[in-house]
Structure formats: structure tokens, C-alpha cells
Amino acid sequence: MNNIKINWKELIESQSIYRADKTYLINSIFVGGLLICLIAGFIVGAVVIKEIQNLENKKLEQKSYGISLIQVKKDWQIPLGESFMNVAKFYNLPSTLLLAMAIQESDLCLSNLAQKNNNCFGILGGEMNFKSYYDSAISAARIITTDKRYKEFQDSDFTDLTALGKVWSEDPKWAKKVKFIIDDFQIK
């Protein structure tokens, strides 16, 4: 019989190195896989962020001022919107003018200042207090139909939004925004 002498220490050390190499290889594959997942996640995340930015840019291109189309179509039909339209009719204004102004000025009375002061039209920078939203609509209608500063608007049979916007707002695009709300949101 051959006497085979096994150097157990060498065998254990060689196996440890093999195991260490195998573990290193497995760990390398695992870390590599994680890196691939992270990179893929960043790419997917970047694509999602880009799509969100594209959607936001489209909203800006559509000039959705202050309030979403869905919200306008839903909110303008509520009694508040109807009461604004009734006030406008009483003062011989276009029926949707006060409603569009309230949407532009306070997101149809949803802004904090409008809710705090019942001021949906930004009268006196929104700081003027009213008993109700309805009272703020009456005040806005009285101002634009009787105040001499609005003579050009009054002389246009209350249709020249540019003339109204020059006095009502410091925003040079105010008239375009209100017209957009009336026309493109098709508030009739």
C-alpha cells in the first residue's frame, strides 16, 4: 500500500483560497448586478422625470393659468360659479366674466387669501374682507361697471378685456389669461 501523506494544513489553506476566490467571484457578480440595476433605475428614473417635465411643459404651452381644465369644468358649475354668472348678468356684464376673473385671481376662491377674506377677485390685492364670496362678486361688478378708471372697458360694452386688464391687474398678460379661460375652457 502506498502511503499517501496528506498535508492537511496545505489542503485547508488551498481550499480557503478557493472558497475566498469563489466568494469574491460571487460577490463581484452580485455587486455587478446591483450596479446594473442601479444604472437601469437611474435611466428609468431619468426617463420618468423627463416625461413629467414634458407634461408640465405641455401644460404651460396650453397656458393653463391657475386651475386645471378638469377643475374648471367641475367647479364652474357649482352654485358659486352660477352666482357669479348671475351677478354678471345683473350688471350687464358678459355672463362668464366674473367667473373667469375669479378663476384667474384666486383659482375660483380656492386660494388661501380668498378663503381667509372671502375675496375671490383680488380686490385691493386680496386684502379687502367680504362677508361672502357673493359679496366680493358684487363688489367686483360694481367696480368695473361704475369706477371711472374703467371707462374704456365700460365704453366697449364690457367686452374689451385688454382695457379691463390694464386697470384691474398689474400683470400685462392678465387679459389674455382671462380670455383663455373663457374661450379655451369653453365656459358658456
N, C-alpha and C. Protein backbone atom coordinates (compact mmCIF):
# COMPACT_ATOMS: atom_id res chain seq x y z
N MET A 1 0.79 -1.15 0.00
CA MET A 1 0.00 0.00 0.00
C MET A 1 0.85 1.24 0.00
N ASN A 2 0.39 2.15 -0.80
CA ASN A 2 1.12 3.40 -0.86
C ASN A 2 0.74 4.25 0.32
N ASN A 3 1.72 4.73 0.85
CA ASN A 3 1.48 5.67 1.94
C ASN A 3 1.35 7.07 1.37
N ILE A 4 0.18 7.55 1.40
CA ILE A 4 -0.05 8.92 0.93
C ILE A 4 -0.15 9.79 2.17
N LYS A 5 0.72 10.72 2.12
CA LYS A 5 0.73 11.62 3.25
C LYS A 5 0.00 12.90 2.83
N ILE A 6 -0.99 13.26 3.55
CA ILE A 6 -1.78 14.44 3.24
C ILE A 6 -1.38 15.54 4.20
N ASN A 7 -1.01 16.63 3.59
CA ASN A 7 -0.70 17.80 4.39
C ASN A 7 -2.02 18.56 4.56
N TRP A 8 -2.66 18.30 5.66
CA TRP A 8 -3.98 18.86 5.91
C TRP A 8 -3.96 20.39 5.96
N LYS A 9 -2.90 20.93 6.49
CA LYS A 9 -2.81 22.37 6.60
C LYS A 9 -2.82 23.02 5.21
N GLU A 10 -2.00 22.44 4.29
CA GLU A 10 -1.94 22.96 2.93
C GLU A 10 -3.29 22.81 2.22
N LEU A 11 -3.90 21.68 2.42
CA LEU A 11 -5.18 21.42 1.78
C LEU A 11 -6.25 22.42 2.26
N ILE A 12 -6.29 22.66 3.56
CA ILE A 12 -7.26 23.60 4.12
C ILE A 12 -6.99 25.00 3.60
N GLU A 13 -5.71 25.39 3.56
CA GLU A 13 -5.37 26.73 3.08
C GLU A 13 -5.73 26.89 1.61
N SER A 14 -5.46 25.86 0.79
CA SER A 14 -5.79 25.95 -0.63
C SER A 14 -7.30 26.01 -0.84
N GLN A 15 -8.02 25.24 -0.05
CA GLN A 15 -9.47 25.27 -0.14
C GLN A 15 -10.01 26.62 0.32
N SER A 16 -9.39 27.22 1.33
CA SER A 16 -9.82 28.53 1.82
C SER A 16 -9.63 29.58 0.73
N ILE A 17 -8.49 29.50 0.04
CA ILE A 17 -8.23 30.45 -1.04
C ILE A 17 -9.27 30.24 -2.14
N TYR A 18 -9.53 28.95 -2.46
CA TYR A 18 -10.52 28.65 -3.48
C TYR A 18 -11.88 29.19 -3.08
N ARG A 19 -12.22 28.92 -1.80
CA ARG A 19 -13.50 29.43 -1.31
C ARG A 19 -13.52 30.95 -1.33
N ALA A 20 -12.41 31.56 -0.93
CA ALA A 20 -12.33 33.01 -0.92
C ALA A 20 -12.47 33.54 -2.35
N ASP A 21 -11.78 32.89 -3.31
CA ASP A 21 -11.89 33.30 -4.71
C ASP A 21 -13.32 33.13 -5.21
N LYS A 22 -13.94 32.00 -4.83
CA LYS A 22 -15.31 31.73 -5.25
C LYS A 22 -16.26 32.77 -4.64
N THR A 23 -16.05 33.06 -3.36
CA THR A 23 -16.87 34.06 -2.68
C THR A 23 -16.66 35.42 -3.32
N TYR A 24 -15.40 35.74 -3.64
CA TYR A 24 -15.10 37.01 -4.28
C TYR A 24 -15.80 37.11 -5.63
N LEU A 25 -15.75 35.99 -6.38
CA LEU A 25 -16.39 35.96 -7.69
C LEU A 25 -17.91 36.15 -7.55
N ILE A 26 -18.50 35.42 -6.60
CA ILE A 26 -19.94 35.54 -6.37
C ILE A 26 -20.28 36.96 -5.94
N ASN A 27 -19.50 37.50 -5.01
CA ASN A 27 -19.73 38.88 -4.55
C ASN A 27 -19.57 39.88 -5.70
N SER A 28 -18.59 39.65 -6.56
CA SER A 28 -18.38 40.54 -7.70
C SER A 28 -19.57 40.50 -8.64
N ILE A 29 -20.07 39.29 -8.88
CA ILE A 29 -21.25 39.16 -9.76
C ILE A 29 -22.44 39.86 -9.12
N PHE A 30 -22.63 39.67 -7.81
CA PHE A 30 -23.74 40.28 -7.10
C PHE A 30 -23.64 41.81 -7.15
N VAL A 31 -22.46 42.35 -6.85
CA VAL A 31 -22.26 43.80 -6.87
C VAL A 31 -22.45 44.33 -8.29
N GLY A 32 -21.93 43.60 -9.27
CA GLY A 32 -22.11 43.99 -10.67
C GLY A 32 -23.58 44.05 -11.03
N GLY A 33 -24.33 43.04 -10.59
CA GLY A 33 -25.77 43.02 -10.84
C GLY A 33 -26.47 44.20 -10.19
N LEU A 34 -26.06 44.49 -8.95
CA LEU A 34 -26.64 45.65 -8.27
C LEU A 34 -26.33 46.95 -9.02
N LEU A 35 -25.09 47.08 -9.48
CA LEU A 35 -24.74 48.27 -10.24
C LEU A 35 -25.57 48.39 -11.51
N ILE A 36 -25.76 47.28 -12.19
CA ILE A 36 -26.58 47.29 -13.40
C ILE A 36 -28.01 47.72 -13.05
N CYS A 37 -28.55 47.17 -11.95
CA CYS A 37 -29.90 47.56 -11.52
C CYS A 37 -29.96 49.04 -11.17
N LEU A 38 -28.95 49.54 -10.47
CA LEU A 38 -28.91 50.95 -10.12
C LEU A 38 -28.86 51.83 -11.36
N ILE A 39 -28.01 51.45 -12.30
CA ILE A 39 -27.90 52.23 -13.54
C ILE A 39 -29.22 52.19 -14.29
N ALA A 40 -29.82 51.00 -14.38
CA ALA A 40 -31.11 50.89 -15.05
C ALA A 40 -32.16 51.74 -14.32
N GLY A 41 -32.12 51.72 -13.00
CA GLY A 41 -33.04 52.53 -12.20
C GLY A 41 -32.86 54.01 -12.47
N PHE A 42 -31.59 54.45 -12.55
CA PHE A 42 -31.33 55.86 -12.86
C PHE A 42 -31.85 56.22 -14.24
N ILE A 43 -31.64 55.32 -15.20
CA ILE A 43 -32.12 55.59 -16.56
C ILE A 43 -33.63 55.68 -16.58
N VAL A 44 -34.29 54.69 -15.94
CA VAL A 44 -35.76 54.71 -15.89
C VAL A 44 -36.23 55.96 -15.15
N GLY A 45 -35.58 56.29 -14.04
CA GLY A 45 -35.94 57.48 -13.28
C GLY A 45 -35.78 58.74 -14.11
N ALA A 46 -34.68 58.82 -14.87
CA ALA A 46 -34.45 59.98 -15.72
C ALA A 46 -35.52 60.09 -16.79
N VAL A 47 -35.91 58.95 -17.35
CA VAL A 47 -36.97 58.95 -18.38
C VAL A 47 -38.29 59.41 -17.77
N VAL A 48 -38.61 58.91 -16.58
CA VAL A 48 -39.85 59.31 -15.92
C VAL A 48 -39.83 60.80 -15.60
N ILE A 49 -38.72 61.29 -15.08
CA ILE A 49 -38.60 62.71 -14.77
C ILE A 49 -38.75 63.54 -16.04
N LYS A 50 -38.12 63.09 -17.12
CA LYS A 50 -38.23 63.81 -18.40
C LYS A 50 -39.67 63.85 -18.87
N GLU A 51 -40.40 62.74 -18.73
CA GLU A 51 -41.81 62.70 -19.14
C GLU A 51 -42.65 63.65 -18.28
N ILE A 52 -42.37 63.70 -16.99
CA ILE A 52 -43.09 64.62 -16.11
C ILE A 52 -42.81 66.06 -16.53
N GLN A 53 -41.54 66.35 -16.83
CA GLN A 53 -41.20 67.70 -17.29
C GLN A 53 -41.91 68.02 -18.61
N ASN A 54 -41.97 67.04 -19.51
CA ASN A 54 -42.67 67.25 -20.79
C ASN A 54 -44.14 67.56 -20.55
N LEU A 55 -44.77 66.81 -19.63
CA LEU A 55 -46.17 67.07 -19.33
C LEU A 55 -46.36 68.46 -18.75
N GLU A 56 -45.46 68.85 -17.84
CA GLU A 56 -45.57 70.18 -17.25
C GLU A 56 -45.36 71.26 -18.31
N ASN A 57 -44.42 71.02 -19.24
CA ASN A 57 -44.20 71.99 -20.31
C ASN A 57 -45.43 72.08 -21.21
N LYS A 58 -46.08 70.94 -21.48
CA LYS A 58 -47.29 70.96 -22.29
C LYS A 58 -48.38 71.76 -21.59
N LYS A 59 -48.48 71.61 -20.26
CA LYS A 59 -49.47 72.38 -19.52
C LYS A 59 -49.19 73.87 -19.67
N LEU A 60 -47.90 74.23 -19.59
CA LEU A 60 -47.55 75.64 -19.75
C LEU A 60 -47.84 76.12 -21.16
N GLU A 61 -47.55 75.25 -22.14
CA GLU A 61 -47.83 75.62 -23.52
C GLU A 61 -49.33 75.82 -23.73
N GLN A 62 -50.14 75.03 -23.02
CA GLN A 62 -51.58 75.18 -23.14
C GLN A 62 -52.08 76.38 -22.35
N LYS A 63 -51.14 77.05 -21.66
CA LYS A 63 -51.45 78.24 -20.88
C LYS A 63 -52.56 77.98 -19.86
N SER A 64 -52.41 76.90 -19.14
CA SER A 64 -53.42 76.60 -18.12
C SER A 64 -53.13 77.45 -16.90
N TYR A 65 -53.71 78.61 -16.88
CA TYR A 65 -53.43 79.58 -15.84
C TYR A 65 -54.24 79.30 -14.59
N GLY A 66 -53.54 78.93 -13.55
CA GLY A 66 -54.14 78.90 -12.23
C GLY A 66 -54.96 77.68 -11.89
N ILE A 67 -55.61 77.06 -12.82
CA ILE A 67 -56.53 75.99 -12.46
C ILE A 67 -56.62 75.02 -13.63
N SER A 68 -56.78 73.76 -13.32
CA SER A 68 -56.79 72.76 -14.38
C SER A 68 -58.12 72.73 -15.12
N LEU A 69 -58.07 72.26 -16.35
CA LEU A 69 -59.27 72.18 -17.18
C LEU A 69 -60.33 71.34 -16.50
N ILE A 70 -59.93 70.22 -15.93
CA ILE A 70 -60.89 69.33 -15.25
C ILE A 70 -61.55 70.08 -14.10
N GLN A 71 -60.75 70.81 -13.33
CA GLN A 71 -61.30 71.54 -12.19
C GLN A 71 -62.26 72.62 -12.64
N VAL A 72 -61.90 73.33 -13.72
CA VAL A 72 -62.78 74.39 -14.19
C VAL A 72 -64.12 73.82 -14.60
N LYS A 73 -64.10 72.76 -15.39
CA LYS A 73 -65.36 72.20 -15.87
C LYS A 73 -66.19 71.69 -14.70
N LYS A 74 -65.55 71.24 -13.65
CA LYS A 74 -66.29 70.76 -12.49
C LYS A 74 -66.75 71.92 -11.62
N ASP A 75 -65.83 72.84 -11.30
CA ASP A 75 -66.12 73.89 -10.32
C ASP A 75 -67.01 75.00 -10.86
N TRP A 76 -66.94 75.30 -12.12
CA TRP A 76 -67.73 76.45 -12.59
C TRP A 76 -69.21 76.16 -12.54
N GLN A 77 -69.56 74.91 -12.44
CA GLN A 77 -70.98 74.57 -12.41
C GLN A 77 -71.58 74.61 -11.01
N ILE A 78 -70.73 74.72 -10.02
CA ILE A 78 -71.26 74.74 -8.65
C ILE A 78 -72.01 76.05 -8.41
N PRO A 79 -72.83 76.10 -7.40
CA PRO A 79 -73.62 77.31 -7.13
C PRO A 79 -72.78 78.59 -7.06
N LEU A 80 -71.56 78.49 -6.57
CA LEU A 80 -70.71 79.68 -6.51
C LEU A 80 -70.50 80.24 -7.90
N GLY A 81 -70.14 79.39 -8.84
CA GLY A 81 -69.94 79.84 -10.22
C GLY A 81 -71.21 80.39 -10.81
N GLU A 82 -72.31 79.74 -10.55
CA GLU A 82 -73.60 80.21 -11.05
C GLU A 82 -73.97 81.56 -10.46
N SER A 83 -73.67 81.75 -9.18
CA SER A 83 -74.00 83.04 -8.56
C SER A 83 -73.15 84.15 -9.17
N PHE A 84 -71.88 83.86 -9.48
CA PHE A 84 -71.03 84.86 -10.14
C PHE A 84 -71.61 85.21 -11.50
N MET A 85 -72.10 84.20 -12.22
CA MET A 85 -72.68 84.45 -13.54
C MET A 85 -73.96 85.29 -13.41
N ASN A 86 -74.73 85.04 -12.37
CA ASN A 86 -75.96 85.84 -12.14
C ASN A 86 -75.64 87.29 -11.81
N VAL A 87 -74.60 87.49 -11.00
CA VAL A 87 -74.18 88.86 -10.67
C VAL A 87 -73.75 89.56 -11.95
N ALA A 88 -72.97 88.87 -12.78
CA ALA A 88 -72.51 89.47 -14.05
C ALA A 88 -73.70 89.88 -14.91
N LYS A 89 -74.67 89.01 -15.01
CA LYS A 89 -75.87 89.33 -15.82
C LYS A 89 -76.60 90.54 -15.23
N PHE A 90 -76.71 90.62 -13.92
CA PHE A 90 -77.40 91.73 -13.27
C PHE A 90 -76.72 93.06 -13.62
N TYR A 91 -75.40 93.06 -13.69
CA TYR A 91 -74.65 94.27 -14.00
C TYR A 91 -74.38 94.42 -15.51
N ASN A 92 -75.08 93.65 -16.32
CA ASN A 92 -74.94 93.69 -17.79
C ASN A 92 -73.53 93.39 -18.28
N LEU A 93 -72.84 92.55 -17.55
CA LEU A 93 -71.51 92.09 -17.95
C LEU A 93 -71.66 90.77 -18.69
N PRO A 94 -70.68 90.41 -19.50
CA PRO A 94 -70.72 89.07 -20.09
C PRO A 94 -70.86 88.03 -18.97
N SER A 95 -71.72 87.08 -19.17
CA SER A 95 -72.10 86.17 -18.07
C SER A 95 -70.92 85.43 -17.45
N THR A 96 -69.88 85.18 -18.22
CA THR A 96 -68.77 84.39 -17.69
C THR A 96 -67.60 85.25 -17.21
N LEU A 97 -67.71 86.56 -17.34
CA LEU A 97 -66.58 87.42 -17.00
C LEU A 97 -66.16 87.29 -15.53
N LEU A 98 -67.10 87.44 -14.62
CA LEU A 98 -66.74 87.36 -13.20
C LEU A 98 -66.22 85.97 -12.83
N LEU A 99 -66.81 84.97 -13.42
CA LEU A 99 -66.34 83.61 -13.17
C LEU A 99 -64.90 83.45 -13.63
N ALA A 100 -64.59 83.89 -14.84
CA ALA A 100 -63.22 83.80 -15.36
C ALA A 100 -62.26 84.62 -14.52
N MET A 101 -62.71 85.80 -14.08
CA MET A 101 -61.86 86.63 -13.22
C MET A 101 -61.57 85.93 -11.89
N ALA A 102 -62.58 85.28 -11.32
CA ALA A 102 -62.38 84.57 -10.05
C ALA A 102 -61.43 83.39 -10.23
N ILE A 103 -61.53 82.73 -11.36
CA ILE A 103 -60.60 81.62 -11.64
C ILE A 103 -59.18 82.18 -11.76
N GLN A 104 -59.01 83.26 -12.49
CA GLN A 104 -57.69 83.86 -12.69
C GLN A 104 -57.11 84.39 -11.38
N GLU A 105 -57.93 85.09 -10.61
CA GLU A 105 -57.43 85.77 -9.42
C GLU A 105 -57.21 84.84 -8.23
N SER A 106 -58.05 83.82 -8.09
CA SER A 106 -57.97 83.03 -6.85
C SER A 106 -58.25 81.54 -7.03
N ASP A 107 -58.11 81.06 -8.25
CA ASP A 107 -58.44 79.65 -8.54
C ASP A 107 -59.87 79.34 -8.09
N LEU A 108 -60.77 80.23 -8.45
CA LEU A 108 -62.19 80.12 -8.10
C LEU A 108 -62.37 80.01 -6.59
N CYS A 109 -61.76 80.99 -5.92
CA CYS A 109 -61.89 81.16 -4.46
C CYS A 109 -61.21 80.05 -3.66
N LEU A 110 -60.27 79.35 -4.26
CA LEU A 110 -59.58 78.28 -3.55
C LEU A 110 -58.27 78.75 -2.92
N SER A 111 -57.79 79.93 -3.29
CA SER A 111 -56.52 80.39 -2.71
C SER A 111 -56.72 80.70 -1.23
N ASN A 112 -55.63 80.65 -0.48
CA ASN A 112 -55.69 80.91 0.96
C ASN A 112 -56.25 82.30 1.26
N LEU A 113 -55.76 83.29 0.51
CA LEU A 113 -56.21 84.67 0.75
C LEU A 113 -57.70 84.82 0.44
N ALA A 114 -58.14 84.18 -0.64
CA ALA A 114 -59.56 84.26 -0.98
C ALA A 114 -60.42 83.63 0.11
N GLN A 115 -59.96 82.51 0.62
CA GLN A 115 -60.75 81.83 1.66
C GLN A 115 -60.71 82.60 2.98
N LYS A 116 -59.58 83.19 3.27
CA LYS A 116 -59.44 83.95 4.51
C LYS A 116 -60.32 85.20 4.50
N ASN A 117 -60.35 85.91 3.37
CA ASN A 117 -61.04 87.20 3.29
C ASN A 117 -62.32 87.17 2.46
N ASN A 118 -62.72 86.00 1.98
CA ASN A 118 -63.88 85.87 1.08
C ASN A 118 -63.73 86.78 -0.14
N ASN A 119 -62.49 86.95 -0.58
CA ASN A 119 -62.18 87.88 -1.67
C ASN A 119 -61.65 87.07 -2.85
N CYS A 120 -62.53 86.73 -3.77
CA CYS A 120 -62.17 85.87 -4.91
C CYS A 120 -61.58 86.63 -6.07
N PHE A 121 -61.56 87.97 -6.01
CA PHE A 121 -61.20 88.77 -7.16
C PHE A 121 -59.92 89.58 -6.97
N GLY A 122 -59.26 89.40 -5.86
CA GLY A 122 -58.02 90.12 -5.61
C GLY A 122 -58.22 91.61 -5.40
N ILE A 123 -59.42 92.00 -4.97
CA ILE A 123 -59.71 93.41 -4.75
C ILE A 123 -58.80 93.94 -3.64
N LEU A 124 -58.14 95.05 -3.94
CA LEU A 124 -57.13 95.64 -3.04
C LEU A 124 -56.05 94.62 -2.70
N GLY A 125 -55.59 93.92 -3.72
CA GLY A 125 -54.54 92.92 -3.53
C GLY A 125 -55.00 91.72 -2.72
N GLY A 126 -56.30 91.53 -2.65
CA GLY A 126 -56.85 90.40 -1.91
C GLY A 126 -57.02 90.67 -0.43
N GLU A 127 -56.60 91.85 0.00
CA GLU A 127 -56.64 92.18 1.43
C GLU A 127 -58.01 92.65 1.92
N MET A 128 -58.88 93.05 1.02
CA MET A 128 -60.20 93.53 1.44
C MET A 128 -61.06 92.35 1.89
N ASN A 129 -61.74 92.51 3.02
CA ASN A 129 -62.58 91.44 3.57
C ASN A 129 -64.03 91.60 3.13
N PHE A 130 -64.67 90.49 2.84
CA PHE A 130 -66.08 90.47 2.48
C PHE A 130 -66.81 89.47 3.36
N LYS A 131 -68.10 89.66 3.51
CA LYS A 131 -68.91 88.73 4.30
C LYS A 131 -69.02 87.38 3.60
N SER A 132 -69.03 87.41 2.26
CA SER A 132 -69.18 86.17 1.50
C SER A 132 -68.51 86.32 0.14
N TYR A 133 -68.32 85.20 -0.54
CA TYR A 133 -67.79 85.22 -1.90
C TYR A 133 -68.74 86.01 -2.81
N TYR A 134 -70.02 85.84 -2.58
CA TYR A 134 -71.04 86.53 -3.36
C TYR A 134 -70.87 88.04 -3.26
N ASP A 135 -70.61 88.53 -2.03
CA ASP A 135 -70.38 89.97 -1.84
C ASP A 135 -69.15 90.45 -2.59
N SER A 136 -68.12 89.61 -2.66
CA SER A 136 -66.92 90.01 -3.40
C SER A 136 -67.24 90.10 -4.90
N ALA A 137 -68.11 89.24 -5.39
CA ALA A 137 -68.51 89.30 -6.81
C ALA A 137 -69.30 90.58 -7.09
N ILE A 138 -70.19 90.93 -6.18
CA ILE A 138 -70.97 92.16 -6.34
C ILE A 138 -70.02 93.36 -6.35
N SER A 139 -69.07 93.37 -5.44
CA SER A 139 -68.12 94.47 -5.37
C SER A 139 -67.29 94.57 -6.65
N ALA A 140 -66.82 93.44 -7.15
CA ALA A 140 -66.03 93.45 -8.38
C ALA A 140 -66.87 93.99 -9.54
N ALA A 141 -68.12 93.56 -9.63
CA ALA A 141 -69.01 94.02 -10.70
C ALA A 141 -69.26 95.52 -10.59
N ARG A 142 -69.49 96.00 -9.39
CA ARG A 142 -69.73 97.44 -9.20
C ARG A 142 -68.50 98.24 -9.61
N ILE A 143 -67.35 97.77 -9.20
CA ILE A 143 -66.11 98.49 -9.51
C ILE A 143 -65.93 98.64 -11.01
N ILE A 144 -66.04 97.52 -11.73
CA ILE A 144 -65.74 97.60 -13.17
C ILE A 144 -66.85 98.24 -13.99
N THR A 145 -68.04 98.36 -13.41
CA THR A 145 -69.13 98.99 -14.17
C THR A 145 -69.35 100.46 -13.80
N THR A 146 -68.81 100.90 -12.66
CA THR A 146 -69.08 102.29 -12.25
C THR A 146 -67.83 103.14 -12.06
N ASP A 147 -66.72 102.54 -11.74
CA ASP A 147 -65.49 103.30 -11.48
C ASP A 147 -64.99 103.93 -12.78
N LYS A 148 -64.66 105.21 -12.72
CA LYS A 148 -64.23 105.96 -13.92
C LYS A 148 -62.92 105.43 -14.50
N ARG A 149 -62.13 104.79 -13.69
CA ARG A 149 -60.86 104.23 -14.21
C ARG A 149 -61.11 103.17 -15.27
N TYR A 150 -62.30 102.59 -15.27
CA TYR A 150 -62.65 101.53 -16.22
C TYR A 150 -63.47 102.05 -17.40
N LYS A 151 -63.40 103.36 -17.65
CA LYS A 151 -64.22 103.97 -18.70
C LYS A 151 -64.01 103.30 -20.06
N GLU A 152 -62.77 103.04 -20.43
CA GLU A 152 -62.50 102.40 -21.72
C GLU A 152 -63.19 101.04 -21.80
N PHE A 153 -63.14 100.29 -20.72
CA PHE A 153 -63.82 98.98 -20.67
C PHE A 153 -65.34 99.17 -20.74
N GLN A 154 -65.84 100.13 -20.01
CA GLN A 154 -67.28 100.41 -19.99
C GLN A 154 -67.77 100.85 -21.38
N ASP A 155 -66.97 101.67 -22.07
CA ASP A 155 -67.33 102.15 -23.40
C ASP A 155 -67.33 101.03 -24.44
N SER A 156 -66.66 99.95 -24.15
CA SER A 156 -66.61 98.82 -25.10
C SER A 156 -67.77 97.86 -24.89
N ASP A 157 -68.78 98.28 -24.16
CA ASP A 157 -69.89 97.40 -23.77
C ASP A 157 -69.38 96.19 -22.97
N PHE A 158 -68.37 96.46 -22.19
CA PHE A 158 -67.80 95.46 -21.27
C PHE A 158 -67.22 94.24 -22.00
N THR A 159 -66.64 94.48 -23.17
CA THR A 159 -66.07 93.35 -23.92
C THR A 159 -64.57 93.45 -24.10
N ASP A 160 -63.99 94.63 -23.92
CA ASP A 160 -62.55 94.82 -24.15
C ASP A 160 -61.76 94.40 -22.91
N LEU A 161 -61.35 93.15 -22.89
CA LEU A 161 -60.63 92.61 -21.73
C LEU A 161 -59.27 93.28 -21.54
N THR A 162 -58.67 93.73 -22.63
CA THR A 162 -57.38 94.42 -22.51
C THR A 162 -57.55 95.72 -21.74
N ALA A 163 -58.60 96.45 -22.05
CA ALA A 163 -58.88 97.69 -21.31
C ALA A 163 -59.16 97.39 -19.84
N LEU A 164 -59.89 96.33 -19.57
CA LEU A 164 -60.17 95.93 -18.19
C LEU A 164 -58.87 95.54 -17.48
N GLY A 165 -58.07 94.73 -18.16
CA GLY A 165 -56.83 94.24 -17.55
C GLY A 165 -55.83 95.33 -17.23
N LYS A 166 -55.79 96.38 -18.03
CA LYS A 166 -54.86 97.49 -17.79
C LYS A 166 -55.08 98.11 -16.41
N VAL A 167 -56.33 98.18 -16.00
CA VAL A 167 -56.64 98.82 -14.72
C VAL A 167 -56.74 97.77 -13.60
N TRP A 168 -57.30 96.63 -13.89
CA TRP A 168 -57.58 95.63 -12.86
C TRP A 168 -56.31 94.98 -12.31
N SER A 169 -55.36 94.73 -13.19
CA SER A 169 -54.20 93.93 -12.79
C SER A 169 -52.90 94.55 -13.25
N GLU A 170 -51.84 94.28 -12.49
CA GLU A 170 -50.51 94.72 -12.89
C GLU A 170 -49.89 93.75 -13.90
N ASP A 171 -50.46 92.56 -14.04
CA ASP A 171 -49.95 91.55 -14.96
C ASP A 171 -50.31 91.94 -16.39
N PRO A 172 -49.31 92.21 -17.24
CA PRO A 172 -49.62 92.62 -18.62
C PRO A 172 -50.32 91.52 -19.43
N LYS A 173 -50.26 90.30 -18.96
CA LYS A 173 -50.90 89.18 -19.69
C LYS A 173 -52.27 88.82 -19.09
N TRP A 174 -52.73 89.59 -18.14
CA TRP A 174 -53.97 89.27 -17.44
C TRP A 174 -55.14 89.09 -18.41
N ALA A 175 -55.32 90.01 -19.34
CA ALA A 175 -56.46 89.95 -20.27
C ALA A 175 -56.39 88.67 -21.11
N LYS A 176 -55.19 88.32 -21.57
CA LYS A 176 -55.04 87.10 -22.37
C LYS A 176 -55.38 85.86 -21.53
N LYS A 177 -54.98 85.88 -20.29
CA LYS A 177 -55.26 84.75 -19.41
C LYS A 177 -56.77 84.59 -19.18
N VAL A 178 -57.44 85.70 -18.92
CA VAL A 178 -58.88 85.65 -18.68
C VAL A 178 -59.61 85.21 -19.96
N LYS A 179 -59.16 85.75 -21.09
CA LYS A 179 -59.77 85.36 -22.38
C LYS A 179 -59.55 83.87 -22.63
N PHE A 180 -58.37 83.38 -22.31
CA PHE A 180 -58.08 81.96 -22.46
C PHE A 180 -59.04 81.12 -21.61
N ILE A 181 -59.26 81.56 -20.39
CA ILE A 181 -60.17 80.82 -19.51
C ILE A 181 -61.56 80.79 -20.11
N ILE A 182 -62.01 81.91 -20.59
CA ILE A 182 -63.35 81.97 -21.19
C ILE A 182 -63.43 81.15 -22.47
N ASP A 183 -62.47 81.34 -23.38
CA ASP A 183 -62.52 80.68 -24.70
C ASP A 183 -62.12 79.21 -24.66
N ASP A 184 -60.92 78.95 -24.18
CA ASP A 184 -60.39 77.60 -24.28
C ASP A 184 -61.02 76.62 -23.29
N PHE A 185 -61.47 77.13 -22.17
CA PHE A 185 -62.16 76.25 -21.23
C PHE A 185 -63.64 76.20 -21.57
N GLN A 186 -64.03 76.96 -22.56
CA GLN A 186 -65.38 76.95 -23.10
C GLN A 186 -66.43 77.10 -22.00
N ILE A 187 -66.18 78.07 -21.14
CA ILE A 187 -67.18 78.38 -20.11
C ILE A 187 -68.26 79.18 -20.78
N LYS A 188 -69.42 78.64 -20.86
CA LYS A 188 -70.54 79.31 -21.55
C LYS A 188 -71.69 79.49 -20.58
